[in-house]
Amino acid sequence: MFAVIRTGGRQYRVAKDDVITVGRLAGEAGDTVTIADVLAVGDGSDVRFGTPTLDGASVTAEVVDQTRGPKIIVFKKKRRKNYRRKKGHRQDLTQLKITGIAAGA
């Protein structure tokens, strides 16, 4: 069984026991998170799609870790103007382990 969920403006295809990395969600390691934005649920050839979400469907996950992504360098330059700006950025991330998929009614 798999599900397509939406969190942080992105979509993820998940199955039970998958470990995924998403944008920062509230919670400490070991907490349980329920994601209600389920766009599709499938089991073999039987696939159901929502419009845009499925009513009653949810995915439960356990927070594994709160981490940060790799450093991204943002560099701006205008030639011949002596204009240079260098800035770094690291995205806050959450690792989730999918523990269950409820298909709903």
N, C-alpha and C. Protein backbone atom coordinates (compact mmCIF):
# COMPACT_ATOMS: atom_id res chain seq x y z
N MET A 1 0.85 -1.17 0.00
CA MET A 1 0.00 0.00 0.00
C MET A 1 0.89 1.24 0.00
N PHE A 2 0.50 2.23 -0.79
CA PHE A 2 1.25 3.47 -0.83
C PHE A 2 0.29 4.64 -0.78
N ALA A 3 0.84 5.81 -0.49
CA ALA A 3 0.05 7.04 -0.46
C ALA A 3 0.89 8.17 -1.03
N VAL A 4 0.22 9.16 -1.58
CA VAL A 4 0.88 10.38 -2.03
C VAL A 4 0.42 11.48 -1.07
N ILE A 5 1.37 12.07 -0.35
CA ILE A 5 1.04 13.09 0.64
C ILE A 5 1.62 14.43 0.21
N ARG A 6 1.06 15.49 0.79
CA ARG A 6 1.56 16.84 0.51
C ARG A 6 1.90 17.49 1.86
N THR A 7 3.14 17.96 1.96
CA THR A 7 3.57 18.70 3.14
C THR A 7 4.65 19.68 2.73
N GLY A 8 4.56 20.88 3.22
CA GLY A 8 5.55 21.90 2.90
C GLY A 8 5.54 22.31 1.44
N GLY A 9 4.40 22.16 0.75
CA GLY A 9 4.31 22.55 -0.64
C GLY A 9 4.89 21.53 -1.61
N ARG A 10 5.31 20.37 -1.11
CA ARG A 10 5.88 19.32 -1.96
C ARG A 10 5.06 18.05 -1.79
N GLN A 11 5.15 17.17 -2.78
CA GLN A 11 4.42 15.91 -2.73
C GLN A 11 5.42 14.75 -2.62
N TYR A 12 5.04 13.74 -1.83
CA TYR A 12 5.90 12.59 -1.60
C TYR A 12 5.08 11.32 -1.74
N ARG A 13 5.67 10.32 -2.41
CA ARG A 13 5.04 9.00 -2.49
C ARG A 13 5.66 8.16 -1.38
N VAL A 14 4.83 7.67 -0.47
CA VAL A 14 5.33 6.97 0.71
C VAL A 14 4.65 5.63 0.85
N ALA A 15 5.34 4.73 1.53
CA ALA A 15 4.81 3.42 1.90
C ALA A 15 5.21 3.17 3.35
N LYS A 16 4.65 2.13 3.95
CA LYS A 16 4.97 1.83 5.35
C LYS A 16 6.46 1.54 5.50
N ASP A 17 7.05 2.05 6.56
CA ASP A 17 8.46 1.88 6.93
C ASP A 17 9.42 2.69 6.05
N ASP A 18 8.92 3.58 5.19
CA ASP A 18 9.79 4.49 4.44
C ASP A 18 10.30 5.58 5.37
N VAL A 19 11.52 6.05 5.12
CA VAL A 19 12.09 7.19 5.84
C VAL A 19 12.27 8.31 4.82
N ILE A 20 11.58 9.44 5.05
CA ILE A 20 11.64 10.55 4.12
C ILE A 20 12.12 11.80 4.84
N THR A 21 12.66 12.73 4.09
CA THR A 21 13.11 14.02 4.63
C THR A 21 12.22 15.11 4.06
N VAL A 22 11.56 15.85 4.95
CA VAL A 22 10.64 16.91 4.54
C VAL A 22 11.06 18.21 5.20
N GLY A 23 10.40 19.31 4.84
CA GLY A 23 10.65 20.58 5.49
C GLY A 23 10.28 20.51 6.96
N ARG A 24 10.81 21.42 7.75
CA ARG A 24 10.68 21.36 9.21
C ARG A 24 9.23 21.27 9.66
N LEU A 25 8.95 20.24 10.49
CA LEU A 25 7.67 20.06 11.15
C LEU A 25 7.88 20.15 12.65
N ALA A 26 6.86 20.59 13.36
CA ALA A 26 6.96 20.70 14.81
C ALA A 26 7.03 19.32 15.44
N GLY A 27 7.84 19.18 16.48
CA GLY A 27 7.94 17.92 17.20
C GLY A 27 9.38 17.52 17.44
N GLU A 28 9.58 16.76 18.50
CA GLU A 28 10.90 16.25 18.84
C GLU A 28 11.04 14.81 18.34
N ALA A 29 12.26 14.29 18.38
CA ALA A 29 12.50 12.91 17.97
C ALA A 29 11.67 11.96 18.83
N GLY A 30 10.97 11.05 18.17
CA GLY A 30 10.11 10.10 18.88
C GLY A 30 8.64 10.49 18.88
N ASP A 31 8.31 11.73 18.54
CA ASP A 31 6.91 12.17 18.49
C ASP A 31 6.21 11.58 17.28
N THR A 32 4.89 11.51 17.37
CA THR A 32 4.07 11.01 16.27
C THR A 32 3.40 12.19 15.57
N VAL A 33 3.44 12.18 14.24
CA VAL A 33 2.86 13.24 13.42
C VAL A 33 1.82 12.60 12.51
N THR A 34 0.65 13.26 12.39
CA THR A 34 -0.39 12.80 11.47
C THR A 34 -0.51 13.78 10.33
N ILE A 35 -0.43 13.28 9.11
CA ILE A 35 -0.53 14.11 7.92
C ILE A 35 -1.87 13.80 7.26
N ALA A 36 -2.73 14.82 7.17
CA ALA A 36 -4.08 14.64 6.64
C ALA A 36 -4.19 15.00 5.16
N ASP A 37 -3.17 15.65 4.59
CA ASP A 37 -3.18 16.00 3.18
C ASP A 37 -2.74 14.80 2.35
N VAL A 38 -3.67 13.87 2.13
CA VAL A 38 -3.40 12.67 1.35
C VAL A 38 -4.06 12.86 -0.01
N LEU A 39 -3.27 12.87 -1.07
CA LEU A 39 -3.77 13.13 -2.41
C LEU A 39 -4.22 11.85 -3.12
N ALA A 40 -3.58 10.73 -2.82
CA ALA A 40 -3.92 9.46 -3.47
C ALA A 40 -3.51 8.31 -2.56
N VAL A 41 -4.25 7.21 -2.67
CA VAL A 41 -3.94 5.99 -1.92
C VAL A 41 -4.07 4.84 -2.91
N GLY A 42 -3.07 3.94 -2.90
CA GLY A 42 -3.11 2.81 -3.82
C GLY A 42 -2.69 1.53 -3.15
N ASP A 43 -3.29 0.43 -3.63
CA ASP A 43 -2.93 -0.90 -3.16
C ASP A 43 -2.98 -1.83 -4.37
N GLY A 44 -1.84 -2.04 -4.99
CA GLY A 44 -1.81 -2.85 -6.21
C GLY A 44 -2.40 -2.06 -7.37
N SER A 45 -3.40 -2.64 -8.02
CA SER A 45 -4.03 -1.95 -9.15
C SER A 45 -5.18 -1.06 -8.71
N ASP A 46 -5.57 -1.12 -7.44
CA ASP A 46 -6.67 -0.30 -6.91
C ASP A 46 -6.09 1.02 -6.40
N VAL A 47 -6.28 2.10 -7.15
CA VAL A 47 -5.76 3.41 -6.78
C VAL A 47 -6.94 4.39 -6.70
N ARG A 48 -6.98 5.16 -5.60
CA ARG A 48 -8.02 6.18 -5.43
C ARG A 48 -7.36 7.54 -5.36
N PHE A 49 -7.93 8.50 -6.09
CA PHE A 49 -7.42 9.87 -6.12
C PHE A 49 -8.42 10.80 -5.46
N GLY A 50 -7.90 11.82 -4.78
CA GLY A 50 -8.76 12.82 -4.16
C GLY A 50 -8.96 14.01 -5.06
N THR A 51 -9.89 14.87 -4.67
CA THR A 51 -10.15 16.09 -5.45
C THR A 51 -10.17 17.32 -4.54
N PRO A 52 -9.10 17.87 -4.07
CA PRO A 52 -7.72 17.44 -4.25
C PRO A 52 -7.25 16.43 -3.21
N THR A 53 -7.95 16.31 -2.05
CA THR A 53 -7.50 15.34 -1.04
C THR A 53 -8.59 14.32 -0.80
N LEU A 54 -8.19 13.18 -0.25
CA LEU A 54 -9.13 12.12 0.11
C LEU A 54 -9.69 12.39 1.50
N ASP A 55 -11.01 12.34 1.64
CA ASP A 55 -11.64 12.54 2.94
C ASP A 55 -11.42 11.31 3.81
N GLY A 56 -11.00 11.55 5.04
CA GLY A 56 -10.81 10.47 5.99
C GLY A 56 -9.47 9.75 5.88
N ALA A 57 -8.71 10.01 4.86
CA ALA A 57 -7.41 9.34 4.70
C ALA A 57 -6.35 10.11 5.48
N SER A 58 -5.41 9.38 6.06
CA SER A 58 -4.33 10.03 6.79
C SER A 58 -3.11 9.11 6.80
N VAL A 59 -1.97 9.73 7.06
CA VAL A 59 -0.71 9.00 7.16
C VAL A 59 -0.08 9.37 8.50
N THR A 60 0.30 8.36 9.28
CA THR A 60 0.97 8.62 10.54
C THR A 60 2.45 8.33 10.38
N ALA A 61 3.25 9.17 11.03
CA ALA A 61 4.70 9.04 10.92
C ALA A 61 5.33 9.37 12.26
N GLU A 62 6.51 8.83 12.47
CA GLU A 62 7.29 9.10 13.68
C GLU A 62 8.46 10.00 13.30
N VAL A 63 8.68 11.04 14.10
CA VAL A 63 9.81 11.94 13.86
C VAL A 63 11.08 11.22 14.27
N VAL A 64 11.99 11.02 13.31
CA VAL A 64 13.26 10.35 13.59
C VAL A 64 14.29 11.35 14.08
N ASP A 65 14.39 12.50 13.37
CA ASP A 65 15.42 13.47 13.71
C ASP A 65 15.06 14.84 13.13
N GLN A 66 15.51 15.88 13.78
CA GLN A 66 15.43 17.25 13.26
C GLN A 66 16.83 17.62 12.80
N THR A 67 17.02 17.84 11.49
CA THR A 67 18.35 18.08 10.95
C THR A 67 18.36 19.36 10.13
N ARG A 68 19.49 19.62 9.51
CA ARG A 68 19.63 20.74 8.59
C ARG A 68 20.26 20.24 7.30
N GLY A 69 19.87 20.84 6.20
CA GLY A 69 20.37 20.43 4.90
C GLY A 69 21.78 20.95 4.65
N PRO A 70 22.33 20.65 3.49
CA PRO A 70 23.67 21.14 3.16
C PRO A 70 23.66 22.64 2.95
N LYS A 71 24.82 23.27 3.12
CA LYS A 71 24.91 24.71 2.96
C LYS A 71 24.86 25.09 1.49
N ILE A 72 24.01 26.03 1.19
CA ILE A 72 23.85 26.55 -0.16
C ILE A 72 24.45 27.95 -0.19
N ILE A 73 25.33 28.22 -1.14
CA ILE A 73 25.95 29.53 -1.27
C ILE A 73 25.16 30.34 -2.30
N VAL A 74 24.73 31.54 -1.88
CA VAL A 74 24.04 32.46 -2.77
C VAL A 74 25.02 33.58 -3.08
N PHE A 75 25.44 33.68 -4.34
CA PHE A 75 26.45 34.67 -4.73
C PHE A 75 25.88 35.56 -5.81
N LYS A 76 25.90 36.86 -5.57
CA LYS A 76 25.42 37.85 -6.54
C LYS A 76 26.58 38.70 -7.00
N LYS A 77 26.60 39.03 -8.29
CA LYS A 77 27.68 39.85 -8.83
C LYS A 77 27.17 40.65 -10.01
N LYS A 78 27.61 41.90 -10.08
CA LYS A 78 27.37 42.74 -11.26
C LYS A 78 28.73 43.12 -11.81
N ARG A 79 28.97 42.73 -13.02
CA ARG A 79 30.30 42.92 -13.58
C ARG A 79 30.62 44.40 -13.77
N ARG A 80 31.88 44.71 -13.57
CA ARG A 80 32.44 46.05 -13.74
C ARG A 80 31.88 47.08 -12.77
N LYS A 81 31.15 46.67 -11.76
CA LYS A 81 30.57 47.61 -10.80
C LYS A 81 31.10 47.40 -9.38
N ASN A 82 32.01 46.44 -9.19
CA ASN A 82 32.56 46.10 -7.88
C ASN A 82 31.45 45.74 -6.90
N TYR A 83 30.41 45.05 -7.38
CA TYR A 83 29.29 44.63 -6.56
C TYR A 83 29.33 43.12 -6.41
N ARG A 84 29.58 42.65 -5.18
CA ARG A 84 29.60 41.22 -4.88
C ARG A 84 28.95 41.00 -3.52
N ARG A 85 28.05 40.03 -3.45
CA ARG A 85 27.41 39.66 -2.19
C ARG A 85 27.44 38.14 -2.07
N LYS A 86 27.89 37.65 -0.93
CA LYS A 86 27.95 36.22 -0.69
C LYS A 86 27.17 35.91 0.58
N LYS A 87 26.23 34.99 0.47
CA LYS A 87 25.39 34.64 1.61
C LYS A 87 25.17 33.13 1.61
N GLY A 88 25.15 32.53 2.77
CA GLY A 88 24.93 31.09 2.90
C GLY A 88 23.56 30.81 3.49
N HIS A 89 23.05 29.60 3.23
CA HIS A 89 21.73 29.21 3.73
C HIS A 89 21.71 27.71 3.96
N ARG A 90 21.12 27.29 5.09
CA ARG A 90 20.90 25.88 5.38
C ARG A 90 19.43 25.70 5.73
N GLN A 91 18.77 24.79 5.04
CA GLN A 91 17.35 24.55 5.24
C GLN A 91 17.14 23.65 6.46
N ASP A 92 16.13 23.97 7.28
CA ASP A 92 15.75 23.11 8.40
C ASP A 92 14.90 21.96 7.87
N LEU A 93 15.24 20.73 8.27
CA LEU A 93 14.58 19.54 7.76
C LEU A 93 14.13 18.62 8.90
N THR A 94 13.16 17.77 8.60
CA THR A 94 12.68 16.77 9.54
C THR A 94 12.69 15.42 8.84
N GLN A 95 13.26 14.41 9.50
CA GLN A 95 13.23 13.05 8.96
C GLN A 95 12.05 12.31 9.59
N LEU A 96 11.22 11.71 8.74
CA LEU A 96 10.04 10.99 9.19
C LEU A 96 10.12 9.53 8.79
N LYS A 97 9.66 8.64 9.68
CA LYS A 97 9.50 7.23 9.35
C LYS A 97 8.00 6.95 9.32
N ILE A 98 7.51 6.49 8.18
CA ILE A 98 6.09 6.26 8.00
C ILE A 98 5.69 5.00 8.77
N THR A 99 4.71 5.14 9.67
CA THR A 99 4.31 4.02 10.50
C THR A 99 2.97 3.43 10.09
N GLY A 100 2.13 4.19 9.39
CA GLY A 100 0.85 3.65 8.99
C GLY A 100 0.14 4.52 7.97
N ILE A 101 -0.71 3.87 7.15
CA ILE A 101 -1.51 4.56 6.15
C ILE A 101 -2.96 4.15 6.35
N ALA A 102 -3.82 5.13 6.62
CA ALA A 102 -5.25 4.88 6.76
C ALA A 102 -5.94 5.38 5.51
N ALA A 103 -6.60 4.47 4.78
CA ALA A 103 -7.19 4.81 3.49
C ALA A 103 -8.49 5.61 3.63
N GLY A 104 -9.13 5.56 4.76
CA GLY A 104 -10.39 6.27 4.93
C GLY A 104 -11.55 5.49 4.36
N ALA A 105 -12.67 6.19 4.22
CA ALA A 105 -13.91 5.50 3.76
C ALA A 105 -13.97 5.39 2.25
